[in-house]
Amino acid sequence: MTVFRHITPCSLVELYRRFRGDFSPDDGGSKMFGVRHLQIMLMFLCLAVGYSLRVNLSVAIVAMMDRNGTGVDFPEYNWDPTVKANILTSFFWGYVITQIPAGQLAQRFGPKILLTGSLFTCSVFTVLTPLAAEIGDWGLVCGARVIQGLAQGFIYPSVHTLLSSWAPIEERGRFATYVYAGGQIGTIIAMPICGALASSAIGWPSIFYIFGALGICWVLLWMFLGADSPGTHRFISKAEQLYIETNLGCKVSTDTKRQTPWLEICTSLPLWAVVIAHCGQNWGFWTLLTEMPSYMNSILKFDLQSNGLLSALPYLVMWLMSFVFSWVSDFLNTRHIISLGTSRKVFNSIGHWIPGLALIGLTLSNTTDSTAAVALLTLAVGVNSAVYVGFQLNHIDLSPNYAGTMMGITNCISNIMSIIAPLLVGFIVTDEENETQWHTVFYIASGVYFGGNLFFVLFGKAEIQSWNEPDSPRDIEVTENNAMKKTQATETL
């Protein structure tokens, strides 16, 4: 009872204000849990759910093609490796189409509505996947996956647009890492659960029903709690709104009809450095993500349930390492130990060149030693999380006002690699038990990692580009207002 004597109406009000983010001027609004943290959490869950909807088929397709491997009597499909590769890549056929329009639509209509429609559509067609396989075989499954890809093409440009509005520059590295780590959490959760569900009494169709339902739940949560910017959120305090808007690091444009400087963007060498790095990332990442369950099943001889758990292990390490890299990056940047541009290149090199070496090591290792093979795969995927504070944030460094559009451009081009890489695996690996054919796949992925990062190191930058600055009358007015707000905040301190 002694504890309760210290609880007063004033302390309860203070607790409520802290939860809402009503910060006092002396802490700068940076120390308490606020609405911006809630938005980061929702974006994290968005990517977690989105990735679980992407990757569930990588495990489910093993069960769909091998009834004996699950021990459960559900429909089995006799698809050859080429058909399997087409199914696994069909998501990206749609995904690349909506990337660039997504950036423009997020700029025009706001990212909240785009994320709502994206996850809802993807979830519905995930639920419909078993029916598609039953009535239309692999062709209709590909069709459902193309629609899911079209829908998910809006996610990254929308999230990047949200980050440019919600993440103060001092917190940007951590916030971006927290958000993009959601992809790893989705993979970590999905792969072992998919393996367990496929082996259970409810079988592989339950994979699509359960994860589709999770996506719809997120949509309902986002509709109530999400917002395009601090200025449009219903529950944010004035103090937190002021803190965010005056610490974004550049002029903020709120003119939804502003002209996009397409020529300057498309001829920007630093942006093309991001494009090349992004292509290398997607080639290596999606080669492993889509093919690792098949490699573990055919070469390392793991059963389906163990396969799901071990396929998830590298992404658990990736998730954990992302926090290490983000804190080290912020430490180096805030103390000006190295420049922001150098930081981006160092961490991107860690995220690409170490995985490239690990894949070469995998080709030299003895696959009878499954522990060593799993350790090298875990290293290749785990250290790759350094790119979250490498090229992945570079769009916002170059142009916060057009970060969503730029993410759409780089994600569109780079995800062509997400289509080509698994198709090439299907072309090379005609016999999934042939170890030499898998070695060829890993050599190619390693070379792409090395080449893509080398281009980024040579030509990448982290300075805001001149064409980022808004020049419409409304933009100038907003910029002047924000400058006045920052002056007032400083005087209060």
Protein backbone atom coordinates (compact mmCIF):
# COMPACT_ATOMS: atom_id res chain seq x y z
CA MET A 1 0.00 0.00 0.00
CA THR A 2 2.95 2.32 0.54
CA VAL A 3 3.49 2.47 -3.20
CA PHE A 4 -0.03 3.76 -3.85
CA ARG A 5 0.43 6.69 -1.42
CA HIS A 6 2.83 8.21 -3.92
CA ILE A 7 0.29 8.07 -6.76
CA THR A 8 -1.50 11.39 -7.03
CA PRO A 9 -3.79 12.91 -9.66
CA CYS A 10 -0.83 15.04 -10.77
CA SER A 11 1.41 12.02 -11.26
CA LEU A 12 -1.26 10.26 -13.30
CA VAL A 13 -1.65 13.33 -15.50
CA GLU A 14 2.13 13.47 -15.96
CA LEU A 15 2.18 9.77 -16.91
CA TYR A 16 -0.57 10.38 -19.46
CA ARG A 17 1.27 13.41 -20.87
CA ARG A 18 4.45 11.39 -21.20
CA PHE A 19 2.63 8.64 -23.05
CA ARG A 20 1.04 11.17 -25.42
CA GLY A 21 4.33 12.92 -25.97
CA ASP A 22 3.58 16.25 -24.25
CA PHE A 23 7.20 17.15 -23.71
CA SER A 24 8.62 20.04 -21.82
CA PRO A 25 10.91 22.37 -23.78
CA ASP A 26 13.96 21.51 -21.72
CA ASP A 27 14.17 17.95 -23.00
CA GLY A 28 13.70 18.94 -26.61
CA GLY A 29 10.95 16.38 -27.00
CA SER A 30 13.45 13.63 -27.63
CA LYS A 31 13.40 11.55 -24.46
CA MET A 32 9.81 10.42 -24.06
CA PHE A 33 7.60 7.96 -25.88
CA GLY A 34 5.54 10.02 -28.28
CA VAL A 35 3.28 9.77 -31.28
CA ARG A 36 6.29 9.58 -33.61
CA HIS A 37 7.39 6.41 -31.81
CA LEU A 38 3.89 4.99 -32.28
CA GLN A 39 4.14 5.70 -36.01
CA ILE A 40 7.53 3.95 -36.15
CA MET A 41 6.01 0.96 -34.36
CA LEU A 42 3.12 0.80 -36.83
CA MET A 43 5.50 1.03 -39.80
CA PHE A 44 7.61 -1.74 -38.23
CA LEU A 45 4.50 -3.94 -37.99
CA CYS A 46 3.56 -3.02 -41.56
CA LEU A 47 6.85 -4.37 -42.90
CA ALA A 48 6.69 -7.40 -40.58
CA VAL A 49 3.26 -8.35 -41.91
CA GLY A 50 4.19 -7.42 -45.47
CA TYR A 51 7.27 -9.63 -45.48
CA SER A 52 5.40 -12.53 -43.88
CA LEU A 53 2.93 -12.30 -46.78
CA ARG A 54 5.85 -12.29 -49.24
CA VAL A 55 7.91 -15.15 -47.88
CA ASN A 56 5.25 -17.61 -46.72
CA LEU A 57 5.18 -19.16 -50.18
CA SER A 58 8.92 -19.94 -50.03
CA VAL A 59 8.20 -22.52 -47.32
CA ALA A 60 4.65 -23.41 -48.34
CA ILE A 61 5.70 -24.36 -51.87
CA VAL A 62 7.97 -27.09 -50.48
CA ALA A 63 4.92 -28.65 -48.82
CA MET A 64 2.71 -28.02 -51.84
CA MET A 65 5.15 -29.99 -54.00
CA ASP A 66 5.99 -32.74 -51.48
CA ARG A 67 3.07 -34.22 -49.58
CA ASN A 68 5.27 -36.98 -48.19
CA GLY A 69 7.53 -34.37 -46.60
CA THR A 70 4.68 -33.05 -44.45
CA GLY A 71 2.98 -36.28 -43.53
CA VAL A 72 -0.40 -34.59 -44.07
CA ASP A 73 -2.82 -35.39 -46.89
CA PHE A 74 -3.39 -32.11 -48.67
CA PRO A 75 -3.27 -31.32 -52.41
CA GLU A 76 0.12 -31.95 -53.97
CA TYR A 77 1.31 -30.27 -57.16
CA ASN A 78 3.84 -31.77 -59.55
CA TRP A 79 5.58 -28.56 -60.59
CA ASP A 80 9.01 -28.71 -62.22
CA PRO A 81 11.87 -26.35 -61.14
CA THR A 82 11.07 -23.83 -63.91
CA VAL A 83 7.42 -23.58 -62.87
CA LYS A 84 8.51 -23.27 -59.25
CA ALA A 85 10.89 -20.43 -60.16
CA ASN A 86 8.08 -18.68 -62.06
CA ILE A 87 5.78 -18.93 -59.04
CA LEU A 88 8.43 -17.60 -56.66
CA THR A 89 9.26 -14.64 -58.91
CA SER A 90 5.71 -13.77 -59.99
CA PHE A 91 5.29 -11.53 -56.94
CA PHE A 92 7.95 -9.23 -58.37
CA TRP A 93 6.34 -9.05 -61.80
CA GLY A 94 3.69 -6.87 -60.20
CA TYR A 95 5.95 -5.36 -57.56
CA VAL A 96 8.18 -3.47 -59.98
CA ILE A 97 5.26 -1.91 -61.87
CA THR A 98 3.83 0.18 -59.02
CA GLN A 99 7.08 1.46 -57.48
CA ILE A 100 7.47 4.78 -59.32
CA PRO A 101 3.73 5.60 -59.41
CA ALA A 102 3.64 4.81 -55.68
CA GLY A 103 6.18 7.53 -54.88
CA GLN A 104 4.21 10.10 -56.85
CA LEU A 105 0.86 9.01 -55.40
CA ALA A 106 2.27 9.14 -51.86
CA GLN A 107 3.42 12.70 -52.57
CA ARG A 108 0.01 13.65 -54.01
CA PHE A 109 -2.52 11.83 -51.80
CA GLY A 110 -0.47 10.92 -48.73
CA PRO A 111 1.06 7.56 -47.78
CA LYS A 112 -1.57 6.54 -45.20
CA ILE A 113 -4.28 5.66 -47.70
CA LEU A 114 -1.77 3.86 -49.93
CA LEU A 115 -0.55 1.62 -47.12
CA THR A 116 -4.14 0.84 -46.13
CA GLY A 117 -5.10 -0.29 -49.63
CA SER A 118 -1.80 -2.09 -50.16
CA LEU A 119 -1.91 -4.38 -47.14
CA PHE A 120 -5.66 -5.00 -47.45
CA THR A 121 -5.40 -6.10 -51.09
CA CYS A 122 -2.33 -8.25 -50.44
CA SER A 123 -4.00 -9.92 -47.44
CA VAL A 124 -7.17 -10.77 -49.35
CA PHE A 125 -5.28 -12.39 -52.23
CA THR A 126 -3.08 -14.29 -49.78
CA VAL A 127 -6.23 -15.85 -48.32
CA LEU A 128 -7.37 -16.74 -51.85
CA THR A 129 -4.09 -18.50 -52.81
CA PRO A 130 -5.14 -22.09 -51.90
CA LEU A 131 -8.34 -21.64 -53.92
CA ALA A 132 -6.30 -20.29 -56.84
CA ALA A 133 -4.05 -23.38 -56.76
CA GLU A 134 -7.06 -25.69 -56.66
CA ILE A 135 -9.03 -24.21 -59.55
CA GLY A 136 -6.28 -22.75 -61.74
CA ASP A 137 -3.10 -24.66 -60.87
CA TRP A 138 0.19 -22.72 -61.00
CA GLY A 139 -1.02 -20.13 -63.52
CA LEU A 140 -3.68 -18.74 -61.20
CA VAL A 141 -1.28 -18.89 -58.24
CA CYS A 142 1.08 -16.70 -60.28
CA GLY A 143 -1.82 -14.35 -61.00
CA ALA A 144 -2.62 -14.01 -57.30
CA ARG A 145 1.03 -13.36 -56.53
CA VAL A 146 1.27 -10.71 -59.27
CA ILE A 147 -1.66 -8.84 -57.67
CA GLN A 148 0.00 -9.12 -54.25
CA GLY A 149 3.17 -7.69 -55.77
CA LEU A 150 1.25 -4.81 -57.37
CA ALA A 151 -0.24 -4.01 -53.96
CA GLN A 152 3.01 -4.28 -52.00
CA GLY A 153 4.77 -2.04 -54.50
CA PHE A 154 3.28 0.88 -52.59
CA ILE A 155 4.84 -0.07 -49.25
CA TYR A 156 8.47 1.08 -49.46
CA PRO A 157 7.83 4.43 -51.22
CA SER A 158 5.05 5.15 -48.72
CA VAL A 159 7.17 4.20 -45.71
CA HIS A 160 10.09 6.31 -46.98
CA THR A 161 7.71 9.25 -47.39
CA LEU A 162 6.46 8.73 -43.84
CA LEU A 163 10.00 8.57 -42.44
CA SER A 164 10.93 11.84 -44.13
CA SER A 165 8.00 13.48 -42.28
CA TRP A 166 8.20 11.72 -38.91
CA ALA A 167 11.92 11.08 -38.23
CA PRO A 168 13.98 14.00 -36.81
CA ILE A 169 17.48 13.93 -38.24
CA GLU A 170 19.13 12.93 -34.93
CA GLU A 171 16.82 9.90 -34.64
CA ARG A 172 16.63 9.01 -38.32
CA GLY A 173 19.20 6.22 -38.31
CA ARG A 174 17.60 4.41 -35.38
CA PHE A 175 14.05 4.98 -36.58
CA ALA A 176 14.79 3.71 -40.09
CA THR A 177 16.51 0.64 -38.65
CA TYR A 178 13.59 -0.11 -36.36
CA VAL A 179 11.15 0.19 -39.26
CA TYR A 180 13.10 -1.83 -41.82
CA ALA A 181 13.95 -4.47 -39.23
CA GLY A 182 10.27 -5.33 -39.44
CA GLY A 183 11.04 -7.19 -42.65
CA GLN A 184 13.39 -9.51 -40.77
CA ILE A 185 10.89 -10.03 -37.94
CA GLY A 186 8.24 -10.95 -40.49
CA THR A 187 10.63 -13.45 -42.05
CA ILE A 188 11.74 -14.81 -38.67
CA ILE A 189 8.14 -15.35 -37.59
CA ALA A 190 6.80 -16.59 -40.90
CA MET A 191 9.35 -19.27 -41.79
CA PRO A 192 9.17 -21.49 -38.67
CA ILE A 193 5.42 -20.97 -38.31
CA CYS A 194 4.91 -21.88 -41.96
CA GLY A 195 6.97 -25.04 -41.46
CA ALA A 196 4.96 -25.98 -38.36
CA LEU A 197 1.61 -25.25 -40.02
CA ALA A 198 2.51 -27.24 -43.12
CA SER A 199 3.35 -30.24 -40.93
CA SER A 200 0.25 -29.85 -38.75
CA ALA A 201 -3.25 -31.29 -39.11
CA ILE A 202 -4.50 -28.10 -40.78
CA GLY A 203 -1.81 -28.30 -43.47
CA TRP A 204 -0.24 -25.83 -45.87
CA PRO A 205 -3.50 -23.97 -46.78
CA SER A 206 -3.63 -22.62 -43.21
CA ILE A 207 -0.40 -20.70 -43.90
CA PHE A 208 -2.24 -18.40 -46.28
CA TYR A 209 -5.39 -18.08 -44.15
CA ILE A 210 -3.58 -17.15 -40.94
CA PHE A 211 -1.13 -14.65 -42.41
CA GLY A 212 -3.83 -13.07 -44.54
CA ALA A 213 -5.93 -12.51 -41.41
CA LEU A 214 -2.95 -10.88 -39.67
CA GLY A 215 -2.64 -8.42 -42.55
CA ILE A 216 -6.28 -7.37 -42.23
CA CYS A 217 -5.82 -6.83 -38.47
CA TRP A 218 -2.91 -4.47 -39.16
CA VAL A 219 -5.01 -2.50 -41.64
CA LEU A 220 -7.67 -1.85 -38.98
CA LEU A 221 -5.03 -0.68 -36.50
CA TRP A 222 -3.37 1.62 -39.04
CA MET A 223 -6.65 3.22 -40.10
CA PHE A 224 -7.25 4.38 -36.52
CA LEU A 225 -3.72 5.29 -35.35
CA GLY A 226 -1.73 6.17 -38.47
CA ALA A 227 -1.21 9.60 -40.07
CA ASP A 228 0.62 11.12 -43.03
CA SER A 229 2.54 13.70 -40.96
CA PRO A 230 2.69 15.25 -37.47
CA GLY A 231 0.39 18.04 -38.62
CA THR A 232 -2.41 15.62 -39.54
CA HIS A 233 -2.31 13.33 -36.50
CA ARG A 234 -5.33 13.58 -34.19
CA PHE A 235 -3.56 12.87 -30.89
CA ILE A 236 -0.13 14.49 -31.18
CA SER A 237 0.79 17.27 -28.78
CA LYS A 238 1.86 20.70 -30.00
CA ALA A 239 5.24 20.29 -28.31
CA GLU A 240 6.07 17.06 -30.11
CA GLN A 241 4.80 18.41 -33.41
CA LEU A 242 7.06 21.45 -32.99
CA TYR A 243 10.04 19.25 -32.11
CA ILE A 244 9.62 17.05 -35.20
CA GLU A 245 8.90 19.83 -37.69
CA THR A 246 11.88 21.93 -36.60
CA ASN A 247 14.36 19.03 -36.60
CA LEU A 248 13.87 17.40 -39.99
CA GLY A 249 17.13 18.89 -41.28
CA CYS A 250 15.77 20.66 -44.35
CA LYS A 251 12.96 22.70 -45.82
CA VAL A 252 9.70 20.79 -45.70
CA SER A 253 7.34 20.92 -48.66
CA THR A 254 3.61 20.48 -48.04
CA ASP A 255 2.57 21.43 -51.57
CA THR A 256 1.03 18.22 -52.93
CA LYS A 257 0.97 19.67 -56.46
CA ARG A 258 4.65 20.63 -56.63
CA GLN A 259 6.51 19.60 -59.75
CA THR A 260 8.93 16.69 -59.41
CA PRO A 261 12.39 17.56 -60.85
CA TRP A 262 12.54 14.41 -62.99
CA LEU A 263 15.51 15.46 -65.12
CA GLU A 264 17.67 16.32 -62.10
CA ILE A 265 16.68 13.12 -60.30
CA CYS A 266 17.27 10.83 -63.28
CA THR A 267 20.65 12.39 -64.11
CA SER A 268 21.91 12.37 -60.51
CA LEU A 269 25.03 10.18 -60.23
CA PRO A 270 24.61 9.77 -56.43
CA LEU A 271 21.10 8.41 -57.04
CA TRP A 272 22.44 5.96 -59.63
CA ALA A 273 24.97 4.83 -57.03
CA VAL A 274 22.00 4.01 -54.78
CA VAL A 275 20.29 2.22 -57.68
CA ILE A 276 23.33 0.00 -58.34
CA ALA A 277 23.78 -0.78 -54.63
CA HIS A 278 20.07 -1.55 -54.35
CA CYS A 279 20.32 -3.93 -57.33
CA GLY A 280 23.20 -5.77 -55.69
CA GLN A 281 21.24 -5.97 -52.44
CA ASN A 282 18.14 -7.40 -54.06
CA TRP A 283 20.03 -9.95 -56.12
CA GLY A 284 21.83 -11.39 -53.10
CA PHE A 285 19.01 -10.99 -50.58
CA TRP A 286 16.23 -12.51 -52.69
CA THR A 287 18.42 -15.31 -54.04
CA LEU A 288 18.91 -16.46 -50.46
CA LEU A 289 15.40 -15.69 -49.22
CA THR A 290 13.59 -17.59 -51.97
CA GLU A 291 16.07 -20.44 -52.42
CA MET A 292 17.43 -21.13 -48.93
CA PRO A 293 14.55 -23.50 -47.96
CA SER A 294 15.14 -25.52 -51.16
CA TYR A 295 18.92 -25.60 -50.57
CA MET A 296 18.48 -26.76 -46.98
CA ASN A 297 15.99 -29.42 -48.07
CA SER A 298 17.90 -30.78 -51.07
CA ILE A 299 21.58 -30.34 -50.10
CA LEU A 300 21.67 -30.14 -46.30
CA LYS A 301 18.82 -32.71 -45.96
CA PHE A 302 16.79 -30.95 -43.29
CA ASP A 303 13.15 -31.99 -42.86
CA LEU A 304 10.42 -29.40 -43.46
CA GLN A 305 9.94 -28.32 -39.83
CA SER A 306 13.70 -28.03 -39.17
CA ASN A 307 14.04 -26.31 -42.54
CA GLY A 308 11.61 -23.58 -41.49
CA LEU A 309 13.40 -22.97 -38.19
CA LEU A 310 16.90 -22.93 -39.69
CA SER A 311 15.81 -20.79 -42.65
CA ALA A 312 14.57 -18.23 -40.13
CA LEU A 313 17.78 -18.24 -38.05
CA PRO A 314 19.80 -15.97 -40.41
CA TYR A 315 17.00 -13.40 -40.36
CA LEU A 316 16.88 -13.45 -36.56
CA VAL A 317 20.60 -12.64 -36.57
CA MET A 318 19.98 -9.98 -39.22
CA TRP A 319 17.33 -8.37 -37.03
CA LEU A 320 19.58 -8.36 -33.95
CA MET A 321 22.60 -7.05 -35.85
CA SER A 322 20.55 -4.22 -37.35
CA PHE A 323 20.29 -2.62 -33.90
CA VAL A 324 24.03 -2.94 -33.35
CA PHE A 325 24.81 -1.28 -36.67
CA SER A 326 22.25 1.51 -36.16
CA TRP A 327 23.59 2.47 -32.73
CA VAL A 328 27.21 2.38 -33.90
CA SER A 329 26.27 4.48 -36.94
CA ASP A 330 24.44 7.08 -34.83
CA PHE A 331 27.34 7.16 -32.36
CA LEU A 332 29.85 7.87 -35.16
CA ASN A 333 27.60 10.44 -36.84
CA THR A 334 26.40 12.43 -33.81
CA ARG A 335 29.97 12.75 -32.51
CA HIS A 336 31.24 13.64 -35.99
CA ILE A 337 33.86 10.91 -35.83
CA ILE A 338 33.33 10.27 -39.54
CA SER A 339 31.24 12.13 -42.10
CA LEU A 340 27.74 10.95 -42.97
CA GLY A 341 28.86 9.99 -46.48
CA THR A 342 31.75 7.91 -45.15
CA SER A 343 29.43 6.26 -42.65
CA ARG A 344 26.99 5.23 -45.36
CA LYS A 345 29.81 3.71 -47.46
CA VAL A 346 31.49 1.90 -44.56
CA PHE A 347 28.30 0.23 -43.38
CA ASN A 348 27.18 -0.62 -46.90
CA SER A 349 30.57 -2.27 -47.49
CA ILE A 350 30.11 -4.33 -44.34
CA GLY A 351 26.61 -5.27 -45.48
CA HIS A 352 27.66 -6.39 -48.98
CA TRP A 353 31.29 -7.48 -49.00
CA ILE A 354 31.21 -9.67 -45.89
CA PRO A 355 28.14 -11.59 -47.18
CA GLY A 356 29.93 -11.95 -50.54
CA LEU A 357 32.91 -13.54 -48.79
CA ALA A 358 30.61 -15.78 -46.74
CA LEU A 359 28.97 -17.13 -49.91
CA ILE A 360 32.39 -17.90 -51.40
CA GLY A 361 33.21 -19.68 -48.14
CA LEU A 362 30.00 -21.69 -48.48
CA THR A 363 31.12 -23.03 -51.87
CA LEU A 364 34.44 -24.13 -50.33
CA SER A 365 32.92 -25.80 -47.26
CA ASN A 366 31.98 -29.44 -46.91
CA THR A 367 28.18 -29.75 -47.04
CA THR A 368 28.33 -32.91 -44.93
CA ASP A 369 29.12 -30.44 -42.14
CA SER A 370 25.68 -28.85 -42.01
CA THR A 371 26.63 -26.71 -39.00
CA ALA A 372 29.32 -24.86 -40.95
CA ALA A 373 26.98 -24.35 -43.91
CA VAL A 374 24.22 -22.92 -41.70
CA ALA A 375 26.79 -20.69 -39.92
CA LEU A 376 28.01 -19.24 -43.25
CA LEU A 377 24.44 -18.66 -44.47
CA THR A 378 23.67 -16.97 -41.15
CA LEU A 379 26.74 -14.74 -41.51
CA ALA A 380 25.83 -13.86 -45.11
CA VAL A 381 22.31 -12.80 -44.17
CA GLY A 382 22.96 -11.44 -40.66
CA VAL A 383 25.69 -8.93 -41.53
CA ASN A 384 23.65 -7.75 -44.52
CA SER A 385 21.58 -5.65 -42.05
CA ALA A 386 24.34 -3.00 -42.15
CA VAL A 387 22.77 -1.73 -45.39
CA TYR A 388 19.92 -0.22 -43.33
CA VAL A 389 22.34 2.55 -42.38
CA GLY A 390 24.04 2.35 -45.78
CA PHE A 391 22.34 2.87 -49.14
CA GLN A 392 18.85 2.29 -47.70
CA LEU A 393 18.81 5.68 -45.94
CA ASN A 394 20.62 7.50 -48.72
CA HIS A 395 17.44 8.59 -50.49
CA ILE A 396 16.49 10.74 -47.49
CA ASP A 397 20.06 12.06 -47.26
CA LEU A 398 19.93 13.24 -50.86
CA SER A 399 16.39 14.62 -50.96
CA PRO A 400 13.91 14.36 -48.07
CA ASN A 401 11.20 16.03 -50.16
CA TYR A 402 11.40 13.42 -52.91
CA ALA A 403 12.53 10.42 -50.84
CA GLY A 404 9.38 8.43 -51.64
CA THR A 405 9.69 9.03 -55.37
CA MET A 406 13.39 8.15 -55.30
CA MET A 407 12.71 4.98 -53.33
CA GLY A 408 10.13 4.09 -55.96
CA ILE A 409 12.73 4.54 -58.71
CA THR A 410 15.46 2.49 -57.03
CA ASN A 411 13.06 -0.17 -55.79
CA CYS A 412 11.52 -0.51 -59.26
CA ILE A 413 14.85 -1.02 -61.00
CA SER A 414 16.40 -3.16 -58.27
CA ASN A 415 13.44 -5.52 -58.04
CA ILE A 416 14.01 -6.52 -61.64
CA MET A 417 16.95 -8.32 -60.02
CA SER A 418 14.49 -9.99 -57.63
CA ILE A 419 12.81 -11.47 -60.71
CA ILE A 420 15.95 -12.39 -62.64
CA ALA A 421 17.88 -13.95 -59.74
CA PRO A 422 15.42 -16.77 -58.83
CA LEU A 423 14.73 -17.39 -62.54
CA LEU A 424 18.46 -17.77 -63.11
CA VAL A 425 18.58 -20.18 -60.17
CA GLY A 426 15.83 -22.22 -61.85
CA PHE A 427 17.84 -22.21 -65.09
CA ILE A 428 21.15 -23.18 -63.41
CA VAL A 429 19.84 -25.61 -60.79
CA THR A 430 18.14 -28.25 -62.94
CA ASP A 431 18.89 -30.88 -60.28
CA GLU A 432 18.36 -29.52 -56.77
CA GLU A 433 20.62 -32.22 -55.31
CA ASN A 434 23.56 -31.18 -57.51
CA GLU A 435 25.94 -29.31 -55.23
CA THR A 436 28.05 -27.86 -58.07
CA GLN A 437 25.03 -26.11 -59.57
CA TRP A 438 24.30 -24.41 -56.24
CA HIS A 439 27.93 -23.27 -56.05
CA THR A 440 27.48 -21.44 -59.35
CA VAL A 441 24.47 -19.62 -57.86
CA PHE A 442 26.51 -18.51 -54.84
CA TYR A 443 29.48 -17.34 -56.95
CA ILE A 444 27.19 -15.14 -59.04
CA ALA A 445 25.50 -13.64 -55.95
CA SER A 446 28.90 -12.93 -54.40
CA GLY A 447 30.12 -11.15 -57.53
CA VAL A 448 26.98 -8.99 -57.71
CA TYR A 449 27.43 -8.00 -54.05
CA PHE A 450 31.04 -6.94 -54.67
CA GLY A 451 30.37 -5.01 -57.88
CA GLY A 452 27.27 -3.18 -56.64
CA ASN A 453 28.92 -1.90 -53.50
CA LEU A 454 32.09 -0.84 -55.31
CA PHE A 455 30.02 1.52 -57.49
CA PHE A 456 28.33 2.94 -54.39
CA VAL A 457 31.68 3.53 -52.66
CA LEU A 458 33.06 5.35 -55.70
CA PHE A 459 30.08 7.55 -56.59
CA GLY A 460 27.75 7.72 -53.58
CA LYS A 461 27.15 10.94 -51.61
CA ALA A 462 25.15 11.97 -48.54
CA GLU A 463 24.67 15.72 -49.09
CA ILE A 464 21.21 17.17 -49.74
CA GLN A 465 20.97 17.90 -53.47
CA SER A 466 20.15 21.39 -54.76
CA TRP A 467 16.98 20.22 -56.51
CA ASN A 468 15.49 19.06 -53.20
CA GLU A 469 14.72 22.60 -52.05
CA PRO A 470 11.09 23.67 -52.54
CA ASP A 471 10.49 26.83 -54.51
CA SER A 472 6.70 27.21 -54.69
CA PRO A 473 5.12 30.13 -52.73
CA ARG A 474 3.46 27.69 -50.34
CA ASP A 475 6.75 25.88 -49.70
CA ILE A 476 8.52 29.14 -48.95
CA GLU A 477 5.77 30.10 -46.52
CA VAL A 478 6.04 26.75 -44.72
CA THR A 479 9.82 27.04 -44.57
CA GLU A 480 9.62 30.52 -43.03
CA ASN A 481 7.03 29.35 -40.51
CA ASN A 482 9.24 26.43 -39.46
CA ALA A 483 12.21 28.76 -39.06
CA MET A 484 10.12 30.98 -36.78
CA LYS A 485 9.02 27.93 -34.76
CA LYS A 486 12.62 26.82 -34.31
CA THR A 487 13.61 30.32 -33.14
CA GLN A 488 10.76 30.31 -30.63
CA ALA A 489 11.79 26.86 -29.35
CA THR A 490 15.40 28.06 -28.92
CA GLU A 491 14.28 31.18 -27.05
CA THR A 492 12.16 29.01 -24.74
CA LEU A 493 15.20 26.90 -23.93
